[in-house]
């Protein structure tokens, strides 16, 4: 039980910080557009990454500098591009903002974008695979209880985010909301990209 609770607390704190996933899911939840399937996709991705970390894949990444470098700079470039799109959209005229954010992507492009904000995001690897994976291995015989705690935290967070977004869907009608939503998200994701680019591995 202690390992499970520790995994849930650690996983919850780290998952909340993965800005690109949260931004993308909240946006789709506000549109009432496949929010719960997307939440499930993020939960499954977290579970796979945490389990791979517990199997030692995170340690493998840490011992190969070139793999970490590819993950870091490819991810930084993706996050910077993702944030720039949000920032640029925030300066559109009001009717264009509403037109953009009432438009719904087809299911396959939507899910491919969801996979991109997950698996092309180095913050995702650092938190779920490397950090949680390495912490799980410190629990030895109880490492799978620790991993399960992290998965439960992911389950609770993403489903809650999807639910809250749907409750706040009336905000979709206000261009001013989307303008500031995009600006705050862009700044947050740029900050995360900067952290990843400058922190030692």
N, C-alpha and C. Protein backbone atom coordinates (compact mmCIF):
# COMPACT_ATOMS: atom_id res chain seq x y z
N UNK A 1 0.83 -1.21 0.00
CA UNK A 1 0.00 0.00 0.00
C UNK A 1 0.86 1.26 0.00
N UNK A 2 1.98 1.23 0.75
CA UNK A 2 2.87 2.39 0.79
C UNK A 2 3.47 2.65 -0.59
N UNK A 3 3.86 1.60 -1.28
CA UNK A 3 4.42 1.74 -2.63
C UNK A 3 3.37 2.29 -3.59
N UNK A 4 2.15 1.80 -3.47
CA UNK A 4 1.05 2.27 -4.33
C UNK A 4 0.79 3.75 -4.11
N UNK A 5 0.71 4.16 -2.85
CA UNK A 5 0.45 5.57 -2.54
C UNK A 5 1.60 6.46 -2.99
N UNK A 6 2.83 5.99 -2.79
CA UNK A 6 4.00 6.76 -3.21
C UNK A 6 4.01 6.93 -4.72
N UNK A 7 3.68 5.87 -5.44
CA UNK A 7 3.61 5.94 -6.90
C UNK A 7 2.54 6.90 -7.36
N UNK A 8 1.39 6.89 -6.68
CA UNK A 8 0.29 7.78 -7.06
C UNK A 8 0.66 9.25 -6.84
N UNK A 9 1.29 9.54 -5.70
CA UNK A 9 1.66 10.92 -5.39
C UNK A 9 2.75 11.41 -6.36
N UNK A 10 3.75 10.58 -6.57
CA UNK A 10 4.84 10.96 -7.48
C UNK A 10 4.31 11.11 -8.91
N UNK A 11 3.56 10.10 -9.35
CA UNK A 11 3.02 10.14 -10.71
C UNK A 11 2.09 11.31 -10.92
N UNK A 12 1.25 11.60 -9.95
CA UNK A 12 0.32 12.72 -10.08
C UNK A 12 1.04 14.04 -10.23
N UNK A 13 2.07 14.25 -9.42
CA UNK A 13 2.81 15.50 -9.50
C UNK A 13 3.52 15.68 -10.83
N UNK A 14 4.03 14.58 -11.39
CA UNK A 14 4.75 14.67 -12.66
C UNK A 14 3.81 14.78 -13.85
N UNK A 15 2.71 14.03 -13.85
CA UNK A 15 1.79 14.03 -14.99
C UNK A 15 1.14 15.39 -15.18
N UNK A 16 0.80 16.04 -14.07
CA UNK A 16 0.16 17.36 -14.16
C UNK A 16 1.07 18.36 -14.88
N UNK A 17 2.39 18.15 -14.78
CA UNK A 17 3.34 19.10 -15.37
C UNK A 17 3.55 18.91 -16.87
N UNK A 18 3.02 17.83 -17.47
CA UNK A 18 3.22 17.59 -18.91
C UNK A 18 2.24 18.47 -19.67
N UNK A 19 2.65 19.72 -19.95
CA UNK A 19 1.74 20.76 -20.43
C UNK A 19 1.07 20.49 -21.76
N UNK A 20 1.79 19.91 -22.72
CA UNK A 20 1.23 19.74 -24.06
C UNK A 20 0.04 18.79 -24.05
N UNK A 21 0.14 17.70 -23.31
CA UNK A 21 -0.97 16.75 -23.20
C UNK A 21 -2.19 17.41 -22.56
N UNK A 22 -1.96 18.08 -21.44
CA UNK A 22 -3.07 18.71 -20.73
C UNK A 22 -3.76 19.77 -21.58
N UNK A 23 -2.96 20.58 -22.27
CA UNK A 23 -3.50 21.61 -23.14
C UNK A 23 -4.36 21.01 -24.24
N UNK A 24 -3.84 19.97 -24.88
CA UNK A 24 -4.56 19.35 -25.99
C UNK A 24 -5.86 18.70 -25.52
N UNK A 25 -5.80 17.97 -24.41
CA UNK A 25 -6.99 17.30 -23.90
C UNK A 25 -8.04 18.31 -23.45
N UNK A 26 -7.62 19.36 -22.75
CA UNK A 26 -8.57 20.35 -22.27
C UNK A 26 -9.26 21.05 -23.44
N UNK A 27 -8.49 21.35 -24.48
CA UNK A 27 -9.07 22.00 -25.66
C UNK A 27 -10.15 21.12 -26.30
N UNK A 28 -9.88 19.82 -26.43
CA UNK A 28 -10.87 18.93 -27.04
C UNK A 28 -12.06 18.70 -26.11
N UNK A 29 -11.81 18.71 -24.79
CA UNK A 29 -12.91 18.55 -23.84
C UNK A 29 -13.84 19.75 -23.90
N UNK A 30 -13.28 20.95 -24.04
CA UNK A 30 -14.10 22.15 -24.17
C UNK A 30 -14.96 22.09 -25.43
N UNK A 31 -14.43 21.45 -26.47
CA UNK A 31 -15.19 21.30 -27.71
C UNK A 31 -16.17 20.11 -27.65
N UNK A 32 -16.06 19.32 -26.56
CA UNK A 32 -16.82 18.07 -26.44
C UNK A 32 -16.55 17.17 -27.65
N UNK A 33 -15.26 16.98 -27.89
CA UNK A 33 -14.82 16.28 -29.09
C UNK A 33 -13.84 15.15 -28.72
N UNK A 34 -14.38 13.94 -28.50
CA UNK A 34 -13.58 12.75 -28.21
C UNK A 34 -12.68 12.92 -26.98
N UNK A 35 -13.13 13.69 -26.00
CA UNK A 35 -12.27 13.96 -24.85
C UNK A 35 -11.96 12.69 -24.06
N UNK A 36 -12.95 11.85 -23.81
CA UNK A 36 -12.70 10.65 -22.99
C UNK A 36 -11.88 9.59 -23.72
N UNK A 37 -12.09 9.35 -25.03
CA UNK A 37 -11.16 8.46 -25.75
C UNK A 37 -9.73 8.99 -25.75
N UNK A 38 -9.57 10.32 -25.87
CA UNK A 38 -8.23 10.89 -25.83
C UNK A 38 -7.60 10.72 -24.44
N UNK A 39 -8.41 10.91 -23.40
CA UNK A 39 -7.92 10.70 -22.03
C UNK A 39 -7.44 9.25 -21.87
N UNK A 40 -8.21 8.31 -22.42
CA UNK A 40 -7.82 6.90 -22.35
C UNK A 40 -6.51 6.65 -23.09
N UNK A 41 -6.34 7.30 -24.24
CA UNK A 41 -5.10 7.17 -25.00
C UNK A 41 -3.90 7.66 -24.18
N UNK A 42 -4.06 8.79 -23.49
CA UNK A 42 -2.98 9.31 -22.67
C UNK A 42 -2.69 8.39 -21.48
N UNK A 43 -3.74 7.83 -20.88
CA UNK A 43 -3.56 6.91 -19.75
C UNK A 43 -2.80 5.67 -20.18
N UNK A 44 -3.19 5.09 -21.32
CA UNK A 44 -2.51 3.89 -21.84
C UNK A 44 -1.06 4.21 -22.17
N UNK A 45 -0.81 5.38 -22.77
CA UNK A 45 0.56 5.78 -23.09
C UNK A 45 1.40 5.90 -21.83
N UNK A 46 0.84 6.53 -20.80
CA UNK A 46 1.55 6.64 -19.52
C UNK A 46 1.86 5.26 -18.94
N UNK A 47 0.87 4.38 -18.99
CA UNK A 47 1.05 3.04 -18.43
C UNK A 47 2.16 2.29 -19.16
N UNK A 48 2.17 2.36 -20.49
CA UNK A 48 3.21 1.69 -21.27
C UNK A 48 4.58 2.25 -20.93
N UNK A 49 4.69 3.59 -20.87
CA UNK A 49 5.97 4.22 -20.59
C UNK A 49 6.47 3.89 -19.19
N UNK A 50 5.58 3.92 -18.19
CA UNK A 50 5.98 3.58 -16.83
C UNK A 50 6.44 2.13 -16.72
N UNK A 51 5.72 1.23 -17.37
CA UNK A 51 6.10 -0.18 -17.31
C UNK A 51 7.43 -0.43 -18.01
N UNK A 52 7.65 0.25 -19.15
CA UNK A 52 8.94 0.13 -19.83
C UNK A 52 10.07 0.65 -18.94
N UNK A 53 9.78 1.76 -18.21
CA UNK A 53 10.77 2.28 -17.28
C UNK A 53 11.10 1.28 -16.19
N UNK A 54 10.08 0.62 -15.67
CA UNK A 54 10.29 -0.38 -14.62
C UNK A 54 11.05 -1.59 -15.13
N UNK A 55 10.91 -1.89 -16.42
CA UNK A 55 11.67 -2.98 -17.04
C UNK A 55 13.13 -2.59 -17.32
N UNK A 56 13.45 -1.31 -17.18
CA UNK A 56 14.83 -0.87 -17.36
C UNK A 56 15.11 -0.11 -18.63
N UNK A 57 14.09 0.20 -19.44
CA UNK A 57 14.31 0.94 -20.69
C UNK A 57 14.78 2.36 -20.39
N UNK A 58 14.25 2.94 -19.30
CA UNK A 58 14.68 4.29 -18.92
C UNK A 58 16.17 4.33 -18.61
N UNK A 59 16.68 3.30 -17.94
CA UNK A 59 18.11 3.22 -17.65
C UNK A 59 18.92 3.09 -18.93
N UNK A 60 18.38 2.35 -19.90
CA UNK A 60 19.05 2.21 -21.20
C UNK A 60 19.18 3.56 -21.89
N UNK A 61 18.11 4.36 -21.84
CA UNK A 61 18.16 5.70 -22.43
C UNK A 61 19.21 6.56 -21.74
N UNK A 62 19.27 6.47 -20.42
CA UNK A 62 20.21 7.28 -19.67
C UNK A 62 21.67 6.94 -19.98
N UNK A 63 21.92 5.70 -20.38
CA UNK A 63 23.30 5.28 -20.64
C UNK A 63 23.72 5.50 -22.09
N UNK A 64 22.83 6.01 -22.93
CA UNK A 64 23.14 6.29 -24.32
C UNK A 64 22.86 7.77 -24.59
N UNK A 65 23.91 8.57 -24.54
CA UNK A 65 23.75 10.02 -24.66
C UNK A 65 23.10 10.43 -25.96
N UNK A 66 23.37 9.72 -27.04
CA UNK A 66 22.82 10.12 -28.34
C UNK A 66 21.31 9.93 -28.38
N UNK A 67 20.79 8.90 -27.69
CA UNK A 67 19.34 8.71 -27.64
C UNK A 67 18.68 9.85 -26.86
N UNK A 68 19.31 10.23 -25.75
CA UNK A 68 18.77 11.34 -24.97
C UNK A 68 18.84 12.65 -25.76
N UNK A 69 19.91 12.82 -26.52
CA UNK A 69 20.06 14.06 -27.31
C UNK A 69 18.98 14.14 -28.39
N UNK A 70 18.71 13.03 -29.07
CA UNK A 70 17.66 13.02 -30.08
C UNK A 70 16.31 13.33 -29.45
N UNK A 71 16.03 12.67 -28.32
CA UNK A 71 14.77 12.90 -27.62
C UNK A 71 14.65 14.35 -27.17
N UNK A 72 15.75 14.88 -26.63
CA UNK A 72 15.72 16.26 -26.10
C UNK A 72 15.47 17.28 -27.21
N UNK A 73 16.31 17.30 -28.23
CA UNK A 73 16.25 18.39 -29.21
C UNK A 73 15.10 18.22 -30.19
N UNK A 74 14.75 16.97 -30.50
CA UNK A 74 13.55 16.76 -31.31
C UNK A 74 12.31 17.21 -30.57
N UNK A 75 12.26 16.88 -29.28
CA UNK A 75 11.11 17.28 -28.47
C UNK A 75 11.04 18.78 -28.25
N UNK A 76 12.19 19.41 -28.01
CA UNK A 76 12.21 20.86 -27.84
C UNK A 76 11.69 21.55 -29.10
N UNK A 77 12.13 21.07 -30.26
CA UNK A 77 11.67 21.65 -31.53
C UNK A 77 10.17 21.48 -31.70
N UNK A 78 9.66 20.29 -31.36
CA UNK A 78 8.22 20.04 -31.48
C UNK A 78 7.43 20.93 -30.53
N UNK A 79 7.85 21.02 -29.28
CA UNK A 79 7.13 21.85 -28.30
C UNK A 79 7.16 23.32 -28.69
N UNK A 80 8.32 23.79 -29.20
CA UNK A 80 8.41 25.19 -29.62
C UNK A 80 7.45 25.46 -30.78
N UNK A 81 7.37 24.53 -31.72
CA UNK A 81 6.45 24.67 -32.86
C UNK A 81 4.99 24.63 -32.38
N UNK A 82 4.68 23.73 -31.48
CA UNK A 82 3.32 23.58 -30.95
C UNK A 82 2.90 24.86 -30.23
N UNK A 83 3.79 25.41 -29.41
CA UNK A 83 3.50 26.64 -28.67
C UNK A 83 3.35 27.83 -29.62
N UNK A 84 4.19 27.87 -30.66
CA UNK A 84 4.11 28.98 -31.62
C UNK A 84 2.75 28.99 -32.31
N UNK A 85 2.22 27.82 -32.64
CA UNK A 85 0.90 27.75 -33.26
C UNK A 85 -0.18 28.32 -32.34
N UNK A 86 -0.07 28.01 -31.04
CA UNK A 86 -1.03 28.54 -30.07
C UNK A 86 -0.91 30.07 -29.96
N UNK A 87 0.34 30.55 -29.89
CA UNK A 87 0.58 31.98 -29.74
C UNK A 87 0.06 32.74 -30.96
N UNK A 88 0.37 32.24 -32.13
CA UNK A 88 -0.06 32.92 -33.37
C UNK A 88 -1.58 32.95 -33.46
N UNK A 89 -2.24 31.86 -33.08
CA UNK A 89 -3.70 31.80 -33.15
C UNK A 89 -4.36 32.80 -32.21
N UNK A 90 -3.67 33.16 -31.13
CA UNK A 90 -4.26 34.07 -30.15
C UNK A 90 -4.41 35.49 -30.67
N UNK A 91 -3.75 35.81 -31.78
CA UNK A 91 -3.80 37.17 -32.32
C UNK A 91 -4.73 37.29 -33.53
N UNK A 92 -5.45 36.23 -33.84
CA UNK A 92 -6.42 36.30 -34.93
C UNK A 92 -7.60 37.18 -34.54
N UNK A 93 -8.35 37.62 -35.53
CA UNK A 93 -9.58 38.36 -35.24
C UNK A 93 -10.59 37.44 -34.58
N UNK A 94 -11.53 38.04 -33.84
CA UNK A 94 -12.44 37.26 -33.01
C UNK A 94 -13.21 36.21 -33.81
N UNK A 95 -13.74 36.59 -34.98
CA UNK A 95 -14.54 35.62 -35.73
C UNK A 95 -13.68 34.47 -36.25
N UNK A 96 -12.38 34.73 -36.51
CA UNK A 96 -11.48 33.67 -36.96
C UNK A 96 -11.10 32.74 -35.80
N UNK A 97 -10.95 33.33 -34.61
CA UNK A 97 -10.67 32.49 -33.43
C UNK A 97 -11.83 31.53 -33.18
N UNK A 98 -13.05 32.05 -33.22
CA UNK A 98 -14.21 31.20 -32.98
C UNK A 98 -14.37 30.15 -34.08
N UNK A 99 -14.08 30.55 -35.31
CA UNK A 99 -14.17 29.60 -36.42
C UNK A 99 -13.14 28.48 -36.24
N UNK A 100 -11.92 28.86 -35.80
CA UNK A 100 -10.85 27.87 -35.62
C UNK A 100 -11.19 26.91 -34.49
N UNK A 101 -11.73 27.42 -33.39
CA UNK A 101 -11.94 26.58 -32.22
C UNK A 101 -13.32 25.95 -32.12
N UNK A 102 -14.16 26.20 -33.10
CA UNK A 102 -15.38 25.41 -33.19
C UNK A 102 -15.23 24.32 -34.24
N UNK A 103 -14.14 24.40 -35.01
CA UNK A 103 -13.86 23.38 -36.01
C UNK A 103 -13.32 22.13 -35.32
N UNK A 104 -13.81 20.96 -35.72
CA UNK A 104 -13.39 19.70 -35.09
C UNK A 104 -12.64 18.85 -36.12
N UNK A 105 -11.48 18.34 -35.70
CA UNK A 105 -10.70 17.48 -36.58
C UNK A 105 -11.38 16.13 -36.74
N UNK A 106 -11.11 15.48 -37.88
CA UNK A 106 -11.55 14.09 -38.05
C UNK A 106 -10.81 13.23 -37.03
N UNK A 107 -11.36 12.07 -36.72
CA UNK A 107 -10.86 11.26 -35.61
C UNK A 107 -9.41 10.83 -35.78
N UNK A 108 -9.00 10.42 -37.01
CA UNK A 108 -7.63 9.93 -37.15
C UNK A 108 -6.59 11.03 -37.05
N UNK A 109 -6.76 12.18 -37.73
CA UNK A 109 -5.80 13.28 -37.49
C UNK A 109 -5.76 13.73 -36.03
N UNK A 110 -6.91 13.69 -35.37
CA UNK A 110 -6.97 14.08 -33.96
C UNK A 110 -6.14 13.13 -33.10
N UNK A 111 -6.28 11.83 -33.34
CA UNK A 111 -5.55 10.86 -32.54
C UNK A 111 -4.06 10.85 -32.87
N UNK A 112 -3.71 11.13 -34.12
CA UNK A 112 -2.30 11.24 -34.48
C UNK A 112 -1.66 12.44 -33.78
N UNK A 113 -2.41 13.54 -33.69
CA UNK A 113 -1.89 14.71 -32.98
C UNK A 113 -1.75 14.40 -31.49
N UNK A 114 -2.69 13.66 -30.93
CA UNK A 114 -2.60 13.27 -29.52
C UNK A 114 -1.37 12.40 -29.27
N UNK A 115 -1.08 11.49 -30.19
CA UNK A 115 0.12 10.66 -30.06
C UNK A 115 1.38 11.52 -30.16
N UNK A 116 1.34 12.54 -31.03
CA UNK A 116 2.49 13.41 -31.20
C UNK A 116 2.78 14.21 -29.93
N UNK A 117 1.73 14.79 -29.31
CA UNK A 117 1.98 15.60 -28.10
C UNK A 117 2.39 14.73 -26.92
N UNK A 118 2.23 13.42 -27.08
CA UNK A 118 2.68 12.49 -26.04
C UNK A 118 4.09 11.97 -26.35
N UNK A 119 4.22 11.24 -27.45
CA UNK A 119 5.44 10.49 -27.72
C UNK A 119 6.55 11.33 -28.35
N UNK A 120 6.25 12.55 -28.81
CA UNK A 120 7.30 13.45 -29.28
C UNK A 120 7.69 14.48 -28.22
N UNK A 121 7.15 14.31 -27.03
CA UNK A 121 7.39 15.25 -25.94
C UNK A 121 8.42 14.65 -24.97
N UNK A 122 9.65 15.19 -24.92
CA UNK A 122 10.66 14.60 -24.04
C UNK A 122 10.29 14.67 -22.56
N UNK A 123 9.46 15.63 -22.18
CA UNK A 123 8.99 15.71 -20.80
C UNK A 123 8.27 14.42 -20.42
N UNK A 124 7.54 13.86 -21.37
CA UNK A 124 6.81 12.60 -21.15
C UNK A 124 7.78 11.47 -20.82
N UNK A 125 8.86 11.34 -21.61
CA UNK A 125 9.85 10.29 -21.36
C UNK A 125 10.58 10.50 -20.04
N UNK A 126 10.98 11.74 -19.80
CA UNK A 126 11.76 12.03 -18.58
C UNK A 126 10.95 11.70 -17.33
N UNK A 127 9.67 12.07 -17.34
CA UNK A 127 8.84 11.89 -16.15
C UNK A 127 8.35 10.46 -15.97
N UNK A 128 7.78 9.89 -17.03
CA UNK A 128 7.14 8.58 -16.87
C UNK A 128 8.12 7.42 -17.00
N UNK A 129 8.96 7.46 -18.03
CA UNK A 129 9.85 6.32 -18.26
C UNK A 129 11.11 6.37 -17.41
N UNK A 130 11.78 7.51 -17.40
CA UNK A 130 13.07 7.57 -16.72
C UNK A 130 12.91 7.77 -15.22
N UNK A 131 12.17 8.81 -14.81
CA UNK A 131 12.07 9.12 -13.38
C UNK A 131 11.21 8.10 -12.64
N UNK A 132 9.98 7.88 -13.10
CA UNK A 132 9.12 6.93 -12.40
C UNK A 132 9.69 5.52 -12.52
N UNK A 133 10.26 5.19 -13.69
CA UNK A 133 10.87 3.87 -13.86
C UNK A 133 12.01 3.64 -12.89
N UNK A 134 12.89 4.64 -12.74
CA UNK A 134 14.02 4.47 -11.83
C UNK A 134 13.57 4.44 -10.37
N UNK A 135 12.57 5.25 -10.03
CA UNK A 135 12.04 5.22 -8.66
C UNK A 135 11.35 3.89 -8.36
N UNK A 136 10.66 3.36 -9.37
CA UNK A 136 9.99 2.07 -9.18
C UNK A 136 10.99 0.98 -8.85
N UNK A 137 12.14 0.99 -9.51
CA UNK A 137 13.13 -0.06 -9.28
C UNK A 137 13.73 0.01 -7.89
N UNK A 138 13.64 1.17 -7.23
CA UNK A 138 14.13 1.28 -5.86
C UNK A 138 13.23 0.54 -4.87
N UNK A 139 11.99 0.26 -5.30
CA UNK A 139 11.07 -0.46 -4.42
C UNK A 139 11.25 -1.97 -4.51
N UNK A 140 12.09 -2.42 -5.42
CA UNK A 140 12.44 -3.84 -5.58
C UNK A 140 11.19 -4.71 -5.74
N UNK A 141 10.86 -5.56 -4.75
CA UNK A 141 9.73 -6.48 -4.91
C UNK A 141 8.40 -5.77 -5.07
N UNK A 142 8.32 -4.51 -4.61
CA UNK A 142 7.05 -3.78 -4.67
C UNK A 142 7.02 -2.75 -5.80
N UNK A 143 7.92 -2.89 -6.78
CA UNK A 143 8.00 -1.87 -7.83
C UNK A 143 6.73 -1.82 -8.68
N UNK A 144 6.05 -2.96 -8.84
CA UNK A 144 4.85 -2.94 -9.68
C UNK A 144 3.69 -2.27 -8.96
N UNK A 145 3.68 -2.32 -7.63
CA UNK A 145 2.68 -1.55 -6.88
C UNK A 145 2.94 -0.05 -7.06
N UNK A 146 4.21 0.34 -7.08
CA UNK A 146 4.58 1.74 -7.31
C UNK A 146 4.12 2.19 -8.70
N UNK A 147 4.39 1.37 -9.71
CA UNK A 147 3.97 1.69 -11.07
C UNK A 147 2.45 1.78 -11.16
N UNK A 148 1.76 0.86 -10.50
CA UNK A 148 0.29 0.89 -10.52
C UNK A 148 -0.23 2.17 -9.89
N UNK A 149 0.43 2.66 -8.85
CA UNK A 149 0.04 3.94 -8.26
C UNK A 149 0.17 5.07 -9.25
N UNK A 150 1.26 5.07 -10.02
CA UNK A 150 1.44 6.09 -11.06
C UNK A 150 0.37 6.01 -12.13
N UNK A 151 0.00 4.81 -12.52
CA UNK A 151 -1.05 4.62 -13.53
C UNK A 151 -2.39 5.10 -13.01
N UNK A 152 -2.68 4.81 -11.74
CA UNK A 152 -3.94 5.28 -11.14
C UNK A 152 -3.99 6.80 -11.10
N UNK A 153 -2.86 7.44 -10.82
CA UNK A 153 -2.81 8.91 -10.82
C UNK A 153 -3.10 9.44 -12.22
N UNK A 154 -2.52 8.81 -13.23
CA UNK A 154 -2.77 9.20 -14.62
C UNK A 154 -4.25 9.04 -14.96
N UNK A 155 -4.84 7.93 -14.54
CA UNK A 155 -6.25 7.65 -14.79
C UNK A 155 -7.13 8.74 -14.16
N UNK A 156 -6.85 9.06 -12.90
CA UNK A 156 -7.67 10.05 -12.20
C UNK A 156 -7.50 11.44 -12.81
N UNK A 157 -6.27 11.82 -13.16
CA UNK A 157 -6.02 13.16 -13.66
C UNK A 157 -6.65 13.40 -15.03
N UNK A 158 -6.39 12.52 -15.97
CA UNK A 158 -6.87 12.76 -17.33
C UNK A 158 -8.39 12.64 -17.44
N UNK A 159 -8.99 11.72 -16.71
CA UNK A 159 -10.45 11.63 -16.73
C UNK A 159 -11.07 12.86 -16.07
N UNK A 160 -10.46 13.35 -14.99
CA UNK A 160 -10.96 14.57 -14.34
C UNK A 160 -10.84 15.78 -15.26
N UNK A 161 -9.73 15.87 -15.97
CA UNK A 161 -9.52 16.99 -16.89
C UNK A 161 -10.55 16.97 -18.02
N UNK A 162 -10.82 15.78 -18.55
CA UNK A 162 -11.82 15.65 -19.61
C UNK A 162 -13.20 16.03 -19.09
N UNK A 163 -13.52 15.62 -17.88
CA UNK A 163 -14.83 15.91 -17.30
C UNK A 163 -14.99 17.40 -17.03
N UNK A 164 -13.97 18.03 -16.43
CA UNK A 164 -14.04 19.46 -16.13
C UNK A 164 -14.15 20.27 -17.42
N UNK A 165 -13.40 19.87 -18.44
CA UNK A 165 -13.47 20.56 -19.73
C UNK A 165 -14.87 20.53 -20.31
N UNK A 166 -15.52 19.39 -20.22
CA UNK A 166 -16.89 19.28 -20.74
C UNK A 166 -17.85 20.17 -19.95
N UNK A 167 -17.64 20.26 -18.65
CA UNK A 167 -18.51 21.11 -17.83
C UNK A 167 -18.35 22.59 -18.18
N UNK A 168 -17.15 22.96 -18.65
CA UNK A 168 -16.85 24.37 -18.96
C UNK A 168 -17.01 24.67 -20.44
N UNK A 169 -17.71 23.81 -21.17
CA UNK A 169 -17.79 23.94 -22.63
C UNK A 169 -18.46 25.24 -23.08
N UNK A 170 -19.22 25.88 -22.21
CA UNK A 170 -19.87 27.14 -22.59
C UNK A 170 -18.85 28.22 -22.91
N UNK A 171 -17.62 28.08 -22.37
CA UNK A 171 -16.57 29.05 -22.65
C UNK A 171 -16.15 29.04 -24.11
N UNK A 172 -16.52 27.98 -24.82
CA UNK A 172 -16.18 27.85 -26.23
C UNK A 172 -16.71 29.01 -27.04
N UNK A 173 -17.79 29.63 -26.58
CA UNK A 173 -18.44 30.70 -27.34
C UNK A 173 -17.75 32.05 -27.18
N UNK A 174 -16.74 32.14 -26.32
CA UNK A 174 -16.10 33.42 -26.04
C UNK A 174 -14.72 33.47 -26.67
N UNK A 175 -14.54 34.35 -27.64
CA UNK A 175 -13.24 34.47 -28.30
C UNK A 175 -12.16 34.92 -27.33
N UNK A 176 -12.52 35.75 -26.36
CA UNK A 176 -11.53 36.25 -25.39
C UNK A 176 -10.96 35.10 -24.56
N UNK A 177 -11.79 34.11 -24.25
CA UNK A 177 -11.30 32.95 -23.50
C UNK A 177 -10.23 32.22 -24.30
N UNK A 178 -10.52 31.93 -25.57
CA UNK A 178 -9.56 31.20 -26.41
C UNK A 178 -8.29 32.00 -26.63
N UNK A 179 -8.43 33.32 -26.72
CA UNK A 179 -7.25 34.17 -26.92
C UNK A 179 -6.27 34.00 -25.76
N UNK A 180 -6.79 34.08 -24.53
CA UNK A 180 -5.91 33.98 -23.36
C UNK A 180 -5.55 32.54 -23.04
N UNK A 181 -6.43 31.62 -23.34
CA UNK A 181 -6.13 30.20 -23.19
C UNK A 181 -4.89 29.84 -24.03
N UNK A 182 -4.87 30.32 -25.28
CA UNK A 182 -3.75 30.04 -26.17
C UNK A 182 -2.47 30.71 -25.70
N UNK A 183 -2.58 31.96 -25.26
CA UNK A 183 -1.37 32.67 -24.83
C UNK A 183 -0.74 32.03 -23.59
N UNK A 184 -1.59 31.69 -22.62
CA UNK A 184 -1.07 31.05 -21.40
C UNK A 184 -0.46 29.69 -21.73
N UNK A 185 -1.14 28.93 -22.60
CA UNK A 185 -0.62 27.63 -22.99
C UNK A 185 0.70 27.76 -23.72
N UNK A 186 0.79 28.72 -24.64
CA UNK A 186 2.03 28.92 -25.39
C UNK A 186 3.18 29.24 -24.46
N UNK A 187 2.96 30.15 -23.52
CA UNK A 187 4.02 30.53 -22.58
C UNK A 187 4.43 29.35 -21.70
N UNK A 188 3.44 28.57 -21.26
CA UNK A 188 3.74 27.40 -20.42
C UNK A 188 4.58 26.38 -21.19
N UNK A 189 4.18 26.10 -22.41
CA UNK A 189 4.89 25.08 -23.19
C UNK A 189 6.27 25.57 -23.61
N UNK A 190 6.39 26.86 -23.94
CA UNK A 190 7.73 27.40 -24.21
C UNK A 190 8.62 27.29 -22.98
N UNK A 191 8.05 27.53 -21.80
CA UNK A 191 8.83 27.42 -20.56
C UNK A 191 9.29 25.98 -20.35
N UNK A 192 8.41 25.01 -20.61
CA UNK A 192 8.78 23.60 -20.49
C UNK A 192 9.89 23.26 -21.48
N UNK A 193 9.76 23.74 -22.73
CA UNK A 193 10.79 23.50 -23.75
C UNK A 193 12.12 24.09 -23.31
N UNK A 194 12.09 25.29 -22.73
CA UNK A 194 13.31 25.93 -22.24
C UNK A 194 13.94 25.11 -21.11
N UNK A 195 13.12 24.62 -20.20
CA UNK A 195 13.62 23.79 -19.11
C UNK A 195 14.32 22.54 -19.64
N UNK A 196 13.68 21.89 -20.63
CA UNK A 196 14.25 20.67 -21.19
C UNK A 196 15.57 20.97 -21.91
N UNK A 197 15.62 22.11 -22.61
CA UNK A 197 16.81 22.48 -23.37
C UNK A 197 17.99 22.82 -22.47
N UNK A 198 17.72 23.32 -21.27
CA UNK A 198 18.80 23.83 -20.42
C UNK A 198 19.17 22.91 -19.25
N UNK A 199 18.27 21.98 -18.88
CA UNK A 199 18.57 21.15 -17.72
C UNK A 199 19.59 20.08 -18.08
N UNK A 200 20.48 19.73 -17.16
CA UNK A 200 21.45 18.64 -17.41
C UNK A 200 20.75 17.30 -17.37
N UNK A 201 21.24 16.37 -18.19
CA UNK A 201 20.68 15.01 -18.21
C UNK A 201 21.65 14.07 -17.51
